[in-house]
Amino acid sequence: MKTNIPSLLGINAELSTYSVPVFEKDLPDGIWGTANIDRTVHINKDLNKKQKKDAAEHEMEHIKQFRNGSVSYDTKNIYYKPSTGSPMQIIPQKSIKLGGHGLPWEKAVYDKTKTYAK
């Protein structure tokens, strides 16, 4: 029997994995998705099916960055480690445009996903 629980919780069952739930949410205009430090993904509920898939793919790459320790964040800073042997860089969130294509951790993901929000 098919369950309706994911849709009741706002979860996109098709795009979610066992360890990373993908929630469809009201997000500000122009924001396709967010990867959260708690390893959940939020995607804009107003996107079409292909855009949702592209957004989830992009945000899952950020989850991989969180898992491998190359990126983390808190309410004030982004913590970025370009490579295993390099020191952690601390970037104040107020000094950057979050999600900006030119940010090194975003560029790495855009280089892999190609189609998201371009």
N, C-alpha and C. Protein backbone atom coordinates (compact mmCIF):
# COMPACT_ATOMS: atom_id res chain seq x y z
N MET A 1 0.84 -1.18 0.00
CA MET A 1 0.00 0.00 0.00
C MET A 1 0.89 1.25 0.00
N LYS A 2 0.58 2.15 -0.88
CA LYS A 2 1.34 3.40 -0.99
C LYS A 2 0.90 4.35 0.11
N THR A 3 1.87 4.98 0.76
CA THR A 3 1.56 5.89 1.87
C THR A 3 1.61 7.34 1.41
N ASN A 4 0.85 8.17 2.07
CA ASN A 4 0.79 9.60 1.76
C ASN A 4 1.61 10.41 2.77
N ILE A 5 2.33 9.75 3.66
CA ILE A 5 3.07 10.44 4.72
C ILE A 5 4.09 11.44 4.17
N PRO A 6 4.92 11.08 3.18
CA PRO A 6 5.88 12.09 2.68
C PRO A 6 5.20 13.38 2.23
N SER A 7 4.11 13.27 1.48
CA SER A 7 3.45 14.50 1.00
C SER A 7 2.83 15.28 2.16
N LEU A 8 2.35 14.59 3.18
CA LEU A 8 1.81 15.29 4.35
C LEU A 8 2.89 16.08 5.07
N LEU A 9 4.12 15.59 5.01
CA LEU A 9 5.25 16.26 5.67
C LEU A 9 5.95 17.26 4.76
N GLY A 10 5.51 17.34 3.51
CA GLY A 10 6.16 18.25 2.56
C GLY A 10 7.42 17.68 1.97
N ILE A 11 7.59 16.36 2.04
CA ILE A 11 8.78 15.70 1.52
C ILE A 11 8.54 15.26 0.09
N ASN A 12 9.51 15.53 -0.77
CA ASN A 12 9.48 15.02 -2.14
C ASN A 12 10.14 13.65 -2.10
N ALA A 13 9.33 12.60 -2.08
CA ALA A 13 9.83 11.24 -1.92
C ALA A 13 10.71 10.82 -3.10
N GLU A 14 10.40 11.31 -4.28
CA GLU A 14 11.16 10.96 -5.48
C GLU A 14 12.60 11.48 -5.41
N LEU A 15 12.80 12.66 -4.85
CA LEU A 15 14.12 13.28 -4.82
C LEU A 15 14.89 13.02 -3.54
N SER A 16 14.20 12.54 -2.52
CA SER A 16 14.85 12.27 -1.23
C SER A 16 15.65 10.98 -1.29
N THR A 17 16.65 10.90 -0.41
CA THR A 17 17.37 9.65 -0.21
C THR A 17 17.10 9.21 1.22
N TYR A 18 17.58 8.03 1.55
CA TYR A 18 17.38 7.52 2.90
C TYR A 18 17.95 8.47 3.95
N SER A 19 19.10 9.08 3.65
CA SER A 19 19.76 9.92 4.65
C SER A 19 19.57 11.42 4.45
N VAL A 20 19.00 11.82 3.30
CA VAL A 20 18.80 13.25 3.03
C VAL A 20 17.37 13.48 2.52
N PRO A 21 16.48 13.93 3.40
CA PRO A 21 15.14 14.25 2.93
C PRO A 21 15.12 15.58 2.16
N VAL A 22 14.32 15.62 1.12
CA VAL A 22 14.15 16.83 0.31
C VAL A 22 12.74 17.35 0.57
N PHE A 23 12.67 18.54 1.17
CA PHE A 23 11.39 19.17 1.49
C PHE A 23 11.06 20.22 0.45
N GLU A 24 9.82 20.28 0.04
CA GLU A 24 9.35 21.35 -0.84
C GLU A 24 8.80 22.47 0.04
N LYS A 25 9.32 23.67 -0.16
CA LYS A 25 9.00 24.81 0.71
C LYS A 25 8.72 26.06 -0.11
N ASP A 26 8.08 27.04 0.52
CA ASP A 26 8.01 28.39 -0.03
C ASP A 26 9.38 29.01 0.19
N LEU A 27 10.09 29.31 -0.88
CA LEU A 27 11.38 29.99 -0.78
C LEU A 27 11.28 31.32 -1.50
N PRO A 28 12.12 32.28 -1.15
CA PRO A 28 12.08 33.59 -1.81
C PRO A 28 12.28 33.46 -3.32
N ASP A 29 11.73 34.42 -4.06
CA ASP A 29 11.89 34.43 -5.51
C ASP A 29 13.36 34.33 -5.88
N GLY A 30 13.65 33.51 -6.87
CA GLY A 30 15.02 33.37 -7.35
C GLY A 30 15.83 32.32 -6.60
N ILE A 31 15.31 31.82 -5.48
CA ILE A 31 16.01 30.79 -4.73
C ILE A 31 15.41 29.44 -5.11
N TRP A 32 16.24 28.60 -5.71
CA TRP A 32 15.77 27.27 -6.12
C TRP A 32 15.86 26.27 -4.98
N GLY A 33 16.88 26.40 -4.14
CA GLY A 33 17.04 25.42 -3.07
C GLY A 33 18.10 25.83 -2.08
N THR A 34 18.11 25.11 -0.97
CA THR A 34 19.12 25.31 0.07
C THR A 34 19.52 23.94 0.62
N ALA A 35 20.80 23.82 0.93
CA ALA A 35 21.31 22.66 1.64
C ALA A 35 21.53 23.11 3.07
N ASN A 36 21.05 22.34 4.00
CA ASN A 36 21.10 22.74 5.40
C ASN A 36 22.12 21.89 6.16
N ILE A 37 22.73 22.50 7.16
CA ILE A 37 23.78 21.84 7.93
C ILE A 37 23.25 20.58 8.62
N ASP A 38 21.94 20.48 8.82
CA ASP A 38 21.36 19.27 9.41
C ASP A 38 21.15 18.17 8.37
N ARG A 39 21.69 18.42 7.17
CA ARG A 39 21.67 17.47 6.05
C ARG A 39 20.26 17.20 5.54
N THR A 40 19.49 18.28 5.49
CA THR A 40 18.23 18.27 4.78
C THR A 40 18.36 19.24 3.62
N VAL A 41 17.51 19.06 2.64
CA VAL A 41 17.49 19.95 1.49
C VAL A 41 16.08 20.54 1.39
N HIS A 42 16.03 21.83 1.12
CA HIS A 42 14.75 22.50 0.84
C HIS A 42 14.80 22.96 -0.61
N ILE A 43 13.74 22.64 -1.37
CA ILE A 43 13.64 23.14 -2.74
C ILE A 43 12.35 23.93 -2.87
N ASN A 44 12.39 24.89 -3.79
CA ASN A 44 11.26 25.77 -4.01
C ASN A 44 10.09 24.98 -4.58
N LYS A 45 8.98 24.99 -3.90
CA LYS A 45 7.81 24.21 -4.31
C LYS A 45 7.21 24.70 -5.62
N ASP A 46 7.55 25.92 -6.04
CA ASP A 46 6.97 26.49 -7.25
C ASP A 46 7.75 26.14 -8.52
N LEU A 47 8.85 25.41 -8.40
CA LEU A 47 9.62 25.01 -9.57
C LEU A 47 8.91 23.90 -10.33
N ASN A 48 9.23 23.78 -11.62
CA ASN A 48 8.69 22.64 -12.36
C ASN A 48 9.48 21.39 -11.99
N LYS A 49 9.04 20.24 -12.47
CA LYS A 49 9.63 18.96 -12.07
C LYS A 49 11.14 18.89 -12.41
N LYS A 50 11.51 19.33 -13.60
CA LYS A 50 12.93 19.29 -14.00
C LYS A 50 13.76 20.23 -13.14
N GLN A 51 13.24 21.43 -12.88
CA GLN A 51 13.96 22.39 -12.04
C GLN A 51 14.15 21.84 -10.62
N LYS A 52 13.12 21.18 -10.10
CA LYS A 52 13.23 20.57 -8.76
C LYS A 52 14.33 19.52 -8.74
N LYS A 53 14.38 18.70 -9.79
CA LYS A 53 15.41 17.66 -9.89
C LYS A 53 16.80 18.31 -9.96
N ASP A 54 16.93 19.35 -10.79
CA ASP A 54 18.22 20.05 -10.91
C ASP A 54 18.62 20.70 -9.59
N ALA A 55 17.66 21.32 -8.91
CA ALA A 55 17.95 21.97 -7.63
C ALA A 55 18.38 20.94 -6.59
N ALA A 56 17.66 19.82 -6.52
CA ALA A 56 18.00 18.78 -5.55
C ALA A 56 19.40 18.21 -5.84
N GLU A 57 19.71 18.00 -7.12
CA GLU A 57 21.03 17.49 -7.50
C GLU A 57 22.13 18.46 -7.02
N HIS A 58 21.92 19.74 -7.25
CA HIS A 58 22.88 20.76 -6.84
C HIS A 58 23.05 20.76 -5.32
N GLU A 59 21.95 20.79 -4.60
CA GLU A 59 22.01 20.87 -3.15
C GLU A 59 22.58 19.60 -2.53
N MET A 60 22.37 18.44 -3.16
CA MET A 60 22.96 17.19 -2.68
C MET A 60 24.49 17.26 -2.75
N GLU A 61 25.02 17.98 -3.74
CA GLU A 61 26.47 18.16 -3.82
C GLU A 61 26.98 18.98 -2.62
N HIS A 62 26.19 19.95 -2.18
CA HIS A 62 26.57 20.70 -0.97
C HIS A 62 26.54 19.79 0.26
N ILE A 63 25.56 18.90 0.32
CA ILE A 63 25.51 17.95 1.44
C ILE A 63 26.79 17.11 1.45
N LYS A 64 27.26 16.72 0.27
CA LYS A 64 28.53 15.97 0.19
C LYS A 64 29.68 16.82 0.73
N GLN A 65 29.66 18.13 0.41
CA GLN A 65 30.70 19.02 0.94
C GLN A 65 30.65 19.07 2.47
N PHE A 66 29.45 19.12 3.03
CA PHE A 66 29.31 19.13 4.50
C PHE A 66 29.88 17.83 5.07
N ARG A 67 29.55 16.72 4.43
CA ARG A 67 29.98 15.41 4.93
C ARG A 67 31.50 15.24 4.86
N ASN A 68 32.12 15.74 3.79
CA ASN A 68 33.56 15.54 3.66
C ASN A 68 34.38 16.62 4.40
N GLY A 69 33.70 17.58 5.00
CA GLY A 69 34.37 18.58 5.81
C GLY A 69 34.95 19.76 5.04
N SER A 70 34.66 19.85 3.74
CA SER A 70 35.21 20.97 2.97
C SER A 70 34.40 22.25 3.16
N VAL A 71 33.14 22.13 3.57
CA VAL A 71 32.30 23.31 3.81
C VAL A 71 31.45 23.06 5.05
N SER A 72 31.28 24.11 5.82
CA SER A 72 30.37 24.12 6.95
C SER A 72 29.90 25.55 7.14
N TYR A 73 28.95 25.76 7.99
CA TYR A 73 28.51 27.13 8.28
C TYR A 73 27.80 27.19 9.62
N ASP A 74 27.73 28.39 10.14
CA ASP A 74 26.88 28.69 11.29
C ASP A 74 26.15 29.98 10.97
N THR A 75 25.57 30.62 11.95
CA THR A 75 24.77 31.82 11.68
C THR A 75 25.59 33.02 11.24
N LYS A 76 26.91 32.99 11.48
CA LYS A 76 27.74 34.14 11.14
C LYS A 76 28.74 33.89 10.01
N ASN A 77 29.24 32.66 9.89
CA ASN A 77 30.35 32.40 8.98
C ASN A 77 30.13 31.17 8.10
N ILE A 78 30.85 31.17 6.98
CA ILE A 78 31.02 29.98 6.15
C ILE A 78 32.45 29.51 6.42
N TYR A 79 32.62 28.21 6.58
CA TYR A 79 33.94 27.63 6.81
C TYR A 79 34.27 26.79 5.58
N TYR A 80 35.33 27.15 4.89
CA TYR A 80 35.67 26.52 3.63
C TYR A 80 37.11 26.03 3.63
N LYS A 81 37.28 24.79 3.26
CA LYS A 81 38.61 24.17 3.18
C LYS A 81 38.78 23.69 1.74
N PRO A 82 39.57 24.43 0.93
CA PRO A 82 39.70 24.12 -0.49
C PRO A 82 40.24 22.72 -0.80
N SER A 83 41.16 22.23 0.03
CA SER A 83 41.73 20.90 -0.18
C SER A 83 42.10 20.30 1.17
N THR A 84 42.39 19.03 1.16
CA THR A 84 42.66 18.31 2.41
C THR A 84 43.77 18.94 3.24
N GLY A 85 44.85 19.36 2.61
CA GLY A 85 45.98 19.91 3.36
C GLY A 85 45.91 21.40 3.62
N SER A 86 44.92 22.07 3.10
CA SER A 86 44.84 23.52 3.25
C SER A 86 44.16 23.92 4.55
N PRO A 87 44.46 25.12 5.04
CA PRO A 87 43.80 25.59 6.26
C PRO A 87 42.34 25.96 5.99
N MET A 88 41.55 25.90 7.02
CA MET A 88 40.14 26.29 6.93
C MET A 88 40.06 27.81 6.78
N GLN A 89 39.30 28.25 5.79
CA GLN A 89 39.05 29.68 5.60
C GLN A 89 37.74 30.03 6.30
N ILE A 90 37.72 31.15 6.97
CA ILE A 90 36.51 31.62 7.64
C ILE A 90 36.03 32.86 6.91
N ILE A 91 34.83 32.76 6.34
CA ILE A 91 34.28 33.85 5.54
C ILE A 91 33.00 34.35 6.21
N PRO A 92 32.98 35.60 6.68
CA PRO A 92 31.75 36.13 7.28
C PRO A 92 30.62 36.14 6.25
N GLN A 93 29.47 35.61 6.64
CA GLN A 93 28.33 35.56 5.72
C GLN A 93 27.92 36.94 5.23
N LYS A 94 28.05 37.94 6.09
CA LYS A 94 27.62 39.28 5.69
C LYS A 94 28.53 39.89 4.62
N SER A 95 29.70 39.26 4.38
CA SER A 95 30.64 39.81 3.39
C SER A 95 30.45 39.21 1.99
N ILE A 96 29.52 38.27 1.85
CA ILE A 96 29.32 37.61 0.56
C ILE A 96 27.84 37.55 0.20
N LYS A 97 27.58 37.24 -1.07
CA LYS A 97 26.20 36.97 -1.51
C LYS A 97 26.04 35.45 -1.49
N LEU A 98 25.29 34.95 -0.52
CA LEU A 98 25.11 33.51 -0.40
C LEU A 98 24.56 32.94 -1.70
N GLY A 99 25.13 31.83 -2.13
CA GLY A 99 24.70 31.19 -3.38
C GLY A 99 25.35 31.76 -4.62
N GLY A 100 26.20 32.78 -4.46
CA GLY A 100 26.84 33.41 -5.61
C GLY A 100 27.67 32.42 -6.41
N HIS A 101 27.50 32.44 -7.71
CA HIS A 101 28.17 31.48 -8.59
C HIS A 101 29.69 31.56 -8.49
N GLY A 102 30.26 32.69 -8.10
CA GLY A 102 31.71 32.84 -8.05
C GLY A 102 32.36 32.34 -6.77
N LEU A 103 31.56 32.00 -5.77
CA LEU A 103 32.13 31.48 -4.52
C LEU A 103 32.74 30.11 -4.80
N PRO A 104 33.91 29.84 -4.25
CA PRO A 104 34.62 28.62 -4.63
C PRO A 104 33.84 27.32 -4.39
N TRP A 105 33.12 27.22 -3.28
CA TRP A 105 32.35 26.00 -3.01
C TRP A 105 31.14 25.91 -3.92
N GLU A 106 30.60 27.05 -4.35
CA GLU A 106 29.51 27.04 -5.32
C GLU A 106 30.04 26.69 -6.71
N LYS A 107 31.18 27.28 -7.07
CA LYS A 107 31.75 27.01 -8.38
C LYS A 107 32.02 25.52 -8.56
N ALA A 108 32.54 24.87 -7.51
CA ALA A 108 32.81 23.43 -7.57
C ALA A 108 31.53 22.65 -7.86
N VAL A 109 30.43 23.07 -7.25
CA VAL A 109 29.16 22.39 -7.47
C VAL A 109 28.58 22.73 -8.84
N TYR A 110 28.63 24.01 -9.24
CA TYR A 110 28.14 24.39 -10.57
C TYR A 110 28.91 23.67 -11.66
N ASP A 111 30.21 23.47 -11.47
CA ASP A 111 31.01 22.76 -12.46
C ASP A 111 30.53 21.32 -12.64
N LYS A 112 30.00 20.72 -11.56
CA LYS A 112 29.48 19.35 -11.63
C LYS A 112 28.06 19.29 -12.16
N THR A 113 27.21 20.23 -11.75
CA THR A 113 25.79 20.12 -12.05
C THR A 113 25.36 20.85 -13.31
N LYS A 114 26.11 21.83 -13.73
CA LYS A 114 25.95 22.57 -14.99
C LYS A 114 24.62 23.31 -15.18
N THR A 115 23.48 22.67 -14.96
CA THR A 115 22.21 23.25 -15.41
C THR A 115 21.47 24.07 -14.35
N TYR A 116 21.87 23.99 -13.11
CA TYR A 116 21.09 24.59 -12.03
C TYR A 116 21.16 26.11 -12.03
N ALA A 117 20.01 26.73 -12.10
CA ALA A 117 19.84 28.17 -11.90
C ALA A 117 20.74 29.03 -12.78
N LYS A 118 21.00 28.59 -13.98
CA LYS A 118 21.83 29.39 -14.87
C LYS A 118 20.97 30.09 -15.90
